[in-house]
């Protein structure tokens, strides 16, 4: 998830949470039941296989060890969720030997640290960087995971000036970008729950409703379905802004309605956008909505093994440009990438965007969300997430069939 998405989600969650406390739960949401039965978490055996794949990639890239701070990558390999605080916590994966936790001795909870028995507590902050270097085995090259703080990296290079520090992306992204069947199953459940929450929330639309009220209803639906989630809701001309607006909005007959975001199941994310209209759509609204659906279809068709990420973006963008919008990233038109990677984070590598020559492979997962933004009028975004198979891309959720039928 990008910083901008984190800020947006925080704002949506905070505002919707406050609104939820001030309004009764609609009947359409009260009737929902949890959809969490039968969820299968990632097993320790799969996590061990991930570690072995990481070691193979380390050997291929001549990397002696990978250093990570708490976050999605550490959870991916260990199943451990820890906050990144001011006291250094590192998970170190040497190319040979057991993974190592380097953690503060104060408040140490060994039971919370998974997938390794080698736990090295530290007392003195001045010596912790050297302890990490020792845990790595003092190799010639140490790779730093992308979300590791600069202060941590800077302390490590000062503690070991002769070590070459490189990016861990070839290892960490190389592992995480290809999803296993177990990961796909968790993402499928997250998408199924999101559609159920959206259906219930859109049934609560009424004249004069605020966008914050709709966001709160979606949040309440997620809770009723047994998960945590949030959604951005925007109305009317504000739907032209891809990331919404802080301006309060009230729903009126004929307004476009756009809802976006998702939920988490065992850490795995969904990200779905639906755009519809409150009341009867105009010919103009239907025309632009249909164009957006055509662009989404073009990206889906282009997303095949061996295709480049930028070719998928180009396929969707071409549809919109040929209809007279753009060109390129100009507005009115498609002002951003066609899609982003998704998995343990709402936004992760890699992106469907011009200049990205990465080739698609089975197991990769992306959002498919070309947007048509017409400032001063309205915008349309249809977003479903897809996964790549040997035969091509498949959606986790059924696409919207029409502007007045947001669910397939």
Protein backbone atom coordinates (compact mmCIF):
# COMPACT_ATOMS: atom_id res chain seq x y z
CA UNK A 1 0.00 0.00 0.00
CA UNK A 2 1.43 3.35 -0.99
CA UNK A 3 1.69 6.22 1.53
CA UNK A 4 -1.09 8.07 -0.29
CA UNK A 5 -3.36 5.02 -0.04
CA UNK A 6 -2.47 4.63 3.64
CA UNK A 7 -3.42 8.24 4.31
CA UNK A 8 -6.63 7.87 2.32
CA UNK A 9 -7.57 4.65 4.09
CA UNK A 10 -6.80 6.21 7.48
CA UNK A 11 -9.01 9.20 6.67
CA UNK A 12 -11.82 7.01 5.34
CA UNK A 13 -11.65 4.70 8.35
CA UNK A 14 -11.51 7.50 10.90
CA UNK A 15 -14.34 9.49 9.36
CA UNK A 16 -16.49 6.44 8.65
CA UNK A 17 -15.88 5.13 12.16
CA UNK A 18 -17.06 8.39 13.68
CA UNK A 19 -20.11 8.40 11.41
CA UNK A 20 -20.89 4.79 12.31
CA UNK A 21 -21.13 5.72 15.98
CA UNK A 22 -23.66 8.41 15.16
CA UNK A 23 -26.05 6.43 12.97
CA UNK A 24 -28.07 3.21 13.29
CA UNK A 25 -27.02 0.15 11.29
CA UNK A 26 -29.35 -0.29 8.27
CA UNK A 27 -31.40 -3.48 7.98
CA UNK A 28 -29.54 -4.49 4.80
CA UNK A 29 -26.37 -4.70 6.88
CA UNK A 30 -27.91 -6.17 10.04
CA UNK A 31 -28.91 -9.26 8.06
CA UNK A 32 -25.32 -10.04 7.00
CA UNK A 33 -23.56 -13.08 8.46
CA UNK A 34 -19.81 -13.72 8.81
CA UNK A 35 -18.11 -15.14 5.71
CA UNK A 36 -15.00 -16.38 7.50
CA UNK A 37 -15.81 -20.07 7.92
CA UNK A 38 -13.32 -22.44 6.35
CA UNK A 39 -10.53 -19.91 5.84
CA UNK A 40 -7.18 -21.74 5.63
CA UNK A 41 -4.20 -19.71 6.89
CA UNK A 42 -0.80 -20.08 5.26
CA UNK A 43 0.96 -23.10 6.74
CA UNK A 44 4.43 -23.19 8.26
CA UNK A 45 5.43 -25.67 5.54
CA UNK A 46 4.59 -23.10 2.87
CA UNK A 47 6.54 -20.43 4.75
CA UNK A 48 9.56 -22.75 4.92
CA UNK A 49 9.29 -23.28 1.16
CA UNK A 50 9.26 -19.48 0.72
CA UNK A 51 12.46 -19.22 2.73
CA UNK A 52 14.14 -21.84 0.56
CA UNK A 53 13.05 -20.00 -2.59
CA UNK A 54 14.47 -16.80 -1.12
CA UNK A 55 17.78 -18.55 -0.51
CA UNK A 56 17.88 -19.76 -4.11
CA UNK A 57 17.30 -16.21 -5.31
CA UNK A 58 20.00 -15.00 -2.90
CA UNK A 59 22.50 -17.42 -4.41
CA UNK A 60 21.55 -16.34 -7.93
CA UNK A 61 22.10 -12.69 -6.98
CA UNK A 62 25.24 -13.28 -4.87
CA UNK A 63 23.54 -12.01 -1.70
CA UNK A 64 24.82 -13.28 1.64
CA UNK A 65 21.90 -12.21 3.80
CA UNK A 66 18.63 -10.27 3.74
CA UNK A 67 17.71 -7.84 6.53
CA UNK A 68 14.06 -6.87 7.12
CA UNK A 69 12.20 -4.77 9.64
CA UNK A 70 8.63 -5.72 10.68
CA UNK A 71 6.09 -5.42 7.90
CA UNK A 72 4.47 -7.39 5.09
CA UNK A 73 7.68 -9.14 4.02
CA UNK A 74 8.45 -10.40 7.52
CA UNK A 75 4.85 -11.59 7.83
CA UNK A 76 5.17 -13.31 4.44
CA UNK A 77 8.15 -15.38 5.57
CA UNK A 78 7.32 -15.89 9.26
CA UNK A 79 3.64 -15.24 9.96
CA UNK A 80 4.71 -12.71 12.60
CA UNK A 81 3.05 -9.31 12.89
CA UNK A 82 5.04 -6.76 14.89
CA UNK A 83 4.91 -2.96 14.91
CA UNK A 84 8.00 -1.08 13.75
CA UNK A 85 8.81 1.10 16.75
CA UNK A 86 11.77 3.23 17.75
CA UNK A 87 13.64 0.18 19.10
CA UNK A 88 15.18 -1.88 16.32
CA UNK A 89 13.62 -5.23 15.51
CA UNK A 90 15.16 -7.14 12.61
CA UNK A 91 14.54 -10.45 10.94
CA UNK A 92 17.73 -11.64 9.28
CA UNK A 93 17.81 -14.39 6.66
CA UNK A 94 21.36 -15.64 5.99
CA UNK A 95 22.04 -17.54 2.79
CA UNK A 96 23.15 -20.40 5.03
CA UNK A 97 22.03 -21.21 8.54
CA UNK A 98 18.85 -20.43 10.45
CA UNK A 99 16.96 -17.13 10.24
CA UNK A 100 17.62 -14.84 13.20
CA UNK A 101 15.45 -12.43 15.16
CA UNK A 102 17.33 -9.47 16.61
CA UNK A 103 14.99 -7.89 19.17
CA UNK A 104 15.04 -5.72 22.30
CA UNK A 105 15.49 -7.74 25.46
CA UNK A 106 13.02 -5.50 27.32
CA UNK A 107 9.49 -6.77 26.78
CA UNK A 108 10.68 -9.75 24.70
CA UNK A 109 7.89 -12.23 23.99
CA UNK A 110 9.52 -15.28 22.44
CA UNK A 111 6.18 -16.94 21.72
CA UNK A 112 5.27 -14.09 19.35
CA UNK A 113 8.30 -14.76 17.12
CA UNK A 114 7.71 -17.55 14.60
CA UNK A 115 9.70 -19.63 12.16
CA UNK A 116 13.02 -19.56 14.03
CA UNK A 117 14.52 -20.62 17.33
CA UNK A 118 17.51 -18.26 16.98
CA UNK A 119 16.50 -15.15 18.92
CA UNK A 120 19.22 -12.66 19.86
CA UNK A 121 18.08 -10.03 22.36
CA UNK A 122 19.93 -6.74 22.70
CA UNK A 123 20.26 -4.32 25.61
CA UNK A 124 22.60 -1.62 24.36
CA UNK A 125 21.28 0.42 21.39
CA UNK A 126 24.88 1.27 20.46
CA UNK A 127 25.68 -2.38 19.73
CA UNK A 128 22.50 -3.53 18.02
CA UNK A 129 23.72 -2.85 14.46
CA UNK A 130 26.80 -4.99 15.02
CA UNK A 131 24.55 -7.72 16.36
CA UNK A 132 22.55 -7.64 13.10
CA UNK A 133 25.75 -7.84 11.04
CA UNK A 134 26.87 -10.85 13.10
CA UNK A 135 23.45 -12.49 12.67
CA UNK A 136 23.86 -12.08 8.92
CA UNK A 137 27.20 -13.94 9.11
CA UNK A 138 29.29 -10.92 8.06
CA UNK A 139 28.90 -11.61 4.31
CA UNK A 140 30.34 -9.43 1.58
CA UNK A 141 26.86 -8.38 0.40
CA UNK A 142 23.79 -7.74 2.53
CA UNK A 143 20.43 -6.95 0.95
CA UNK A 144 18.05 -4.50 2.62
CA UNK A 145 14.28 -5.01 2.27
CA UNK A 146 12.61 -2.00 0.65
CA UNK A 147 10.49 -0.90 3.64
CA UNK A 148 13.46 -0.85 6.03
CA UNK A 149 14.00 2.62 7.48
CA UNK A 150 16.96 4.63 6.28
CA UNK A 151 18.18 5.13 9.86
CA UNK A 152 18.46 1.35 10.26
CA UNK A 153 20.32 0.97 6.96
CA UNK A 154 22.62 3.90 7.80
CA UNK A 155 23.52 2.40 11.18
CA UNK A 156 24.29 -0.95 9.54
CA UNK A 157 26.65 0.50 6.94
CA UNK A 158 28.45 2.48 9.63
CA UNK A 159 28.81 -0.67 11.71
CA UNK A 160 30.29 -2.57 8.75
CA UNK A 161 31.93 -0.17 6.23
CA UNK A 162 33.43 -3.00 4.19
CA UNK A 163 30.04 -4.60 3.50
CA UNK A 164 28.27 -3.89 0.23
CA UNK A 165 24.60 -3.12 0.85
CA UNK A 166 22.15 -3.74 -2.00
CA UNK A 167 18.39 -3.88 -2.57
CA UNK A 168 16.61 -7.06 -1.51
CA UNK A 169 13.98 -6.63 -4.25
CA UNK A 170 15.34 -9.47 -6.42
CA UNK A 171 14.71 -11.76 -3.45
CA UNK A 172 11.69 -10.36 -1.61
CA UNK A 173 9.75 -9.14 -4.63
CA UNK A 174 10.89 -12.23 -6.53
CA UNK A 175 9.14 -14.35 -3.92
CA UNK A 176 6.08 -12.25 -3.11
CA UNK A 177 5.07 -11.34 -6.67
CA UNK A 178 4.11 -14.95 -7.51
CA UNK A 179 1.13 -16.09 -5.44
CA UNK A 180 0.57 -19.70 -4.43
CA UNK A 181 -2.81 -21.46 -4.61
CA UNK A 182 -3.20 -20.88 -0.86
CA UNK A 183 -2.60 -17.15 -1.30
CA UNK A 184 -5.01 -16.97 -4.21
CA UNK A 185 -7.67 -18.68 -2.09
CA UNK A 186 -7.30 -16.06 0.64
CA UNK A 187 -7.47 -13.25 -1.90
CA UNK A 188 -10.57 -14.85 -3.43
CA UNK A 189 -12.28 -14.83 -0.04
CA UNK A 190 -11.34 -11.19 0.52
CA UNK A 191 -12.84 -10.29 -2.85
CA UNK A 192 -16.02 -12.30 -2.19
CA UNK A 193 -16.48 -10.49 1.13
CA UNK A 194 -15.90 -7.11 -0.48
CA UNK A 195 -18.60 -7.71 -3.08
CA UNK A 196 -21.02 -8.78 -0.33
CA UNK A 197 -20.24 -5.63 1.67
CA UNK A 198 -20.68 -3.40 -1.38
CA UNK A 199 -24.00 -4.99 -2.31
CA UNK A 200 -25.39 -4.43 1.16
CA UNK A 201 -24.10 -0.86 1.39
CA UNK A 202 -25.35 0.25 -2.02
CA UNK A 203 -28.81 -0.97 -1.01
CA UNK A 204 -28.78 1.81 1.60
CA UNK A 205 -28.49 4.70 -0.88
CA UNK A 206 -31.05 7.45 -0.35
CA UNK A 207 -31.55 11.05 -1.31
CA UNK A 208 -29.53 13.38 0.91
CA UNK A 209 -27.17 10.63 2.11
CA UNK A 210 -23.65 11.85 2.78
CA UNK A 211 -20.61 10.11 1.33
CA UNK A 212 -19.35 9.60 4.87
CA UNK A 213 -22.55 7.78 5.76
CA UNK A 214 -22.05 5.43 2.82
CA UNK A 215 -18.43 4.80 3.85
CA UNK A 216 -19.63 4.03 7.38
CA UNK A 217 -22.20 1.57 6.05
CA UNK A 218 -19.51 -0.26 4.09
CA UNK A 219 -17.33 -0.43 7.21
CA UNK A 220 -20.27 -1.79 9.20
CA UNK A 221 -20.92 -4.37 6.50
CA UNK A 222 -17.32 -5.58 6.70
CA UNK A 223 -17.59 -5.97 10.45
CA UNK A 224 -20.83 -7.92 10.08
CA UNK A 225 -19.10 -10.17 7.56
CA UNK A 226 -16.30 -10.88 10.05
CA UNK A 227 -13.39 -8.78 8.73
CA UNK A 228 -11.91 -5.31 8.94
CA UNK A 229 -12.19 -3.10 5.89
CA UNK A 230 -12.89 0.42 4.71
CA UNK A 231 -14.04 2.19 1.59
CA UNK A 232 -13.90 5.59 -0.02
CA UNK A 233 -17.27 6.83 -1.24
CA UNK A 234 -17.63 9.82 -3.58
CA UNK A 235 -20.62 11.36 -5.36
CA UNK A 236 -21.37 13.47 -8.41
CA UNK A 237 -18.61 15.58 -9.93
CA UNK A 238 -16.19 14.49 -7.20
CA UNK A 239 -16.03 11.03 -8.82
CA UNK A 240 -13.65 12.60 -11.37
CA UNK A 241 -10.93 12.75 -8.69
CA UNK A 242 -9.25 9.31 -8.60
CA UNK A 243 -8.55 9.51 -4.86
CA UNK A 244 -11.66 11.34 -3.80
CA UNK A 245 -12.14 14.65 -2.02
CA UNK A 246 -12.31 15.84 1.57
CA UNK A 247 -15.32 17.98 0.66
CA UNK A 248 -18.57 16.83 2.32
CA UNK A 249 -21.02 15.51 -0.26
CA UNK A 250 -24.75 14.78 -0.32
CA UNK A 251 -26.36 12.38 -2.74
CA UNK A 252 -28.87 13.67 -5.24
CA UNK A 253 -30.92 12.06 -7.99
CA UNK A 254 -28.74 11.43 -11.05
CA UNK A 255 -25.42 11.55 -9.20
CA UNK A 256 -22.64 9.14 -10.07
CA UNK A 257 -21.62 7.02 -7.06
CA UNK A 258 -18.10 5.57 -6.76
CA UNK A 259 -16.89 3.27 -3.97
CA UNK A 260 -13.34 1.94 -3.70
CA UNK A 261 -10.99 -0.07 -1.43
CA UNK A 262 -11.33 -3.46 0.24
CA UNK A 263 -10.67 -5.72 3.20
CA UNK A 264 -8.07 -8.12 4.55
CA UNK A 265 -8.26 -11.90 5.06
CA UNK A 266 -5.27 -13.41 6.88
CA UNK A 267 -3.34 -10.36 5.70
CA UNK A 268 -4.30 -10.71 2.03
CA UNK A 269 -6.03 -7.75 0.43
CA UNK A 270 -8.90 -7.05 -1.91
CA UNK A 271 -9.32 -3.84 -3.91
CA UNK A 272 -12.56 -3.30 -5.83
CA UNK A 273 -14.20 -0.22 -7.29
CA UNK A 274 -17.79 0.07 -8.41
CA UNK A 275 -19.25 3.07 -10.21
CA UNK A 276 -23.00 3.36 -10.61
CA UNK A 277 -25.66 6.07 -10.67
CA UNK A 278 -28.33 7.01 -8.15
CA UNK A 279 -31.46 7.02 -10.23
CA UNK A 280 -31.70 6.84 -14.01
CA UNK A 281 -28.41 7.29 -15.89
CA UNK A 282 -28.14 9.87 -18.64
CA UNK A 283 -26.98 8.92 -22.13
CA UNK A 284 -23.66 10.65 -21.40
CA UNK A 285 -23.13 8.73 -18.16
CA UNK A 286 -23.94 5.42 -19.85
CA UNK A 287 -21.63 6.21 -22.80
CA UNK A 288 -18.61 6.95 -20.59
CA UNK A 289 -19.35 3.99 -18.30
CA UNK A 290 -19.46 1.65 -21.31
CA UNK A 291 -16.18 3.08 -22.58
CA UNK A 292 -14.56 2.42 -19.22
CA UNK A 293 -15.81 -1.17 -19.24
CA UNK A 294 -14.38 -1.61 -22.75
CA UNK A 295 -10.99 -0.36 -21.50
CA UNK A 296 -11.10 -2.73 -18.53
CA UNK A 297 -11.88 -5.62 -20.89
CA UNK A 298 -8.95 -4.64 -23.12
CA UNK A 299 -6.53 -4.82 -20.19
CA UNK A 300 -7.94 -8.19 -19.13
CA UNK A 301 -7.47 -9.60 -22.64
CA UNK A 302 -3.92 -8.25 -22.90
CA UNK A 303 -2.82 -9.66 -19.53
CA UNK A 304 -1.30 -12.95 -20.68
CA UNK A 305 1.90 -14.77 -19.65
CA UNK A 306 4.88 -13.22 -21.41
CA UNK A 307 3.18 -9.87 -22.07
CA UNK A 308 4.87 -6.83 -20.59
CA UNK A 309 3.20 -4.81 -17.86
CA UNK A 310 3.31 -1.70 -20.05
CA UNK A 311 1.52 -3.50 -22.90
CA UNK A 312 -1.47 -4.12 -20.62
CA UNK A 313 -1.58 -0.44 -19.73
CA UNK A 314 -1.28 0.48 -23.40
CA UNK A 315 -4.19 -1.79 -24.36
CA UNK A 316 -6.58 -0.08 -21.92
CA UNK A 317 -5.27 3.42 -22.66
CA UNK A 318 -5.63 2.89 -26.42
CA UNK A 319 -9.38 2.32 -26.05
CA UNK A 320 -9.80 5.58 -24.16
CA UNK A 321 -7.58 7.60 -26.51
CA UNK A 322 -9.36 6.29 -29.62
CA UNK A 323 -12.61 7.59 -28.12
CA UNK A 324 -11.15 11.10 -28.14
CA UNK A 325 -9.72 11.38 -24.62
CA UNK A 326 -6.16 12.03 -23.51
CA UNK A 327 -3.81 11.41 -25.20
CA UNK A 328 -1.40 9.78 -22.79
CA UNK A 329 -2.11 10.69 -19.18
CA UNK A 330 -3.95 13.93 -19.98
CA UNK A 331 -7.37 14.69 -18.54
CA UNK A 332 -10.11 14.24 -19.66
CA UNK A 333 -8.87 10.67 -19.91
CA UNK A 334 -6.90 8.10 -17.91
CA UNK A 335 -4.55 10.03 -15.57
CA UNK A 336 -2.77 7.12 -13.86
CA UNK A 337 -1.58 3.53 -14.30
CA UNK A 338 -4.04 0.85 -15.39
CA UNK A 339 -3.24 -1.38 -12.41
CA UNK A 340 -0.98 -2.25 -9.51
CA UNK A 341 0.23 -5.43 -7.89
CA UNK A 342 -1.73 -6.67 -4.89
CA UNK A 343 -1.31 -9.33 -2.22
CA UNK A 344 -0.28 -8.73 1.38
CA UNK A 345 -0.38 -5.02 0.58
CA UNK A 346 -3.07 -3.14 -1.28
CA UNK A 347 -0.40 -1.72 -3.56
CA UNK A 348 2.70 -3.80 -4.15
CA UNK A 349 5.03 -4.68 -7.02
CA UNK A 350 4.62 -4.63 -9.92
CA UNK A 351 2.61 -1.98 -11.82
CA UNK A 352 0.73 -2.01 -15.11
CA UNK A 353 2.22 1.24 -16.35
CA UNK A 354 4.18 2.70 -19.26
CA UNK A 355 7.89 1.95 -18.99
CA UNK A 356 7.52 -1.25 -16.96
CA UNK A 357 8.98 -4.03 -19.11
CA UNK A 358 8.41 -6.75 -16.50
CA UNK A 359 6.80 -9.77 -18.13
CA UNK A 360 3.67 -11.30 -16.68
CA UNK A 361 3.88 -14.82 -15.27
CA UNK A 362 1.34 -17.23 -13.75
CA UNK A 363 0.62 -16.36 -10.14
CA UNK A 364 1.02 -12.60 -10.51
CA UNK A 365 -1.93 -10.53 -9.26
CA UNK A 366 -2.99 -7.05 -10.34
CA UNK A 367 -5.83 -4.60 -10.13
CA UNK A 368 -7.45 -3.83 -13.48
CA UNK A 369 -8.74 -0.28 -13.04
CA UNK A 370 -8.46 2.11 -15.98
CA UNK A 371 -10.23 5.32 -15.03
CA UNK A 372 -11.92 7.99 -17.10
CA UNK A 373 -11.72 11.33 -15.30
CA UNK A 374 -13.67 14.31 -16.64
CA UNK A 375 -13.11 17.20 -14.23
CA UNK A 376 -16.21 19.29 -13.59
CA UNK A 377 -18.48 16.51 -14.80
CA UNK A 378 -17.84 13.03 -13.35
CA UNK A 379 -15.49 10.07 -13.44
CA UNK A 380 -15.84 6.33 -13.89
CA UNK A 381 -13.58 3.64 -12.48
CA UNK A 382 -14.26 -0.07 -12.65
CA UNK A 383 -11.77 -2.08 -10.64
CA UNK A 384 -11.54 -5.83 -10.28
CA UNK A 385 -8.40 -7.71 -9.36
CA UNK A 386 -7.05 -10.44 -11.62
CA UNK A 387 -4.54 -13.24 -11.38
CA UNK A 388 -2.45 -14.58 -14.24
CA UNK A 389 -2.83 -18.22 -15.30
CA UNK A 390 -1.17 -20.20 -18.09
CA UNK A 391 -4.22 -19.44 -20.25
CA UNK A 392 -4.49 -15.74 -19.43
CA UNK A 393 -5.93 -13.48 -16.73
CA UNK A 394 -8.91 -14.35 -14.56
CA UNK A 395 -10.86 -12.01 -12.31
CA UNK A 396 -11.42 -12.67 -8.61
CA UNK A 397 -14.78 -10.88 -8.90
CA UNK A 398 -17.42 -10.69 -11.60
CA UNK A 399 -17.22 -7.47 -13.58
CA UNK A 400 -20.07 -4.96 -13.55
CA UNK A 401 -22.33 -5.66 -16.54
CA UNK A 402 -23.89 -2.18 -16.76
CA UNK A 403 -23.96 1.23 -15.10
CA UNK A 404 -27.22 0.39 -13.33
CA UNK A 405 -26.09 -3.17 -12.55
CA UNK A 406 -22.90 -2.81 -10.48
CA UNK A 407 -22.69 -6.52 -9.71
CA UNK A 408 -22.35 -9.43 -12.12
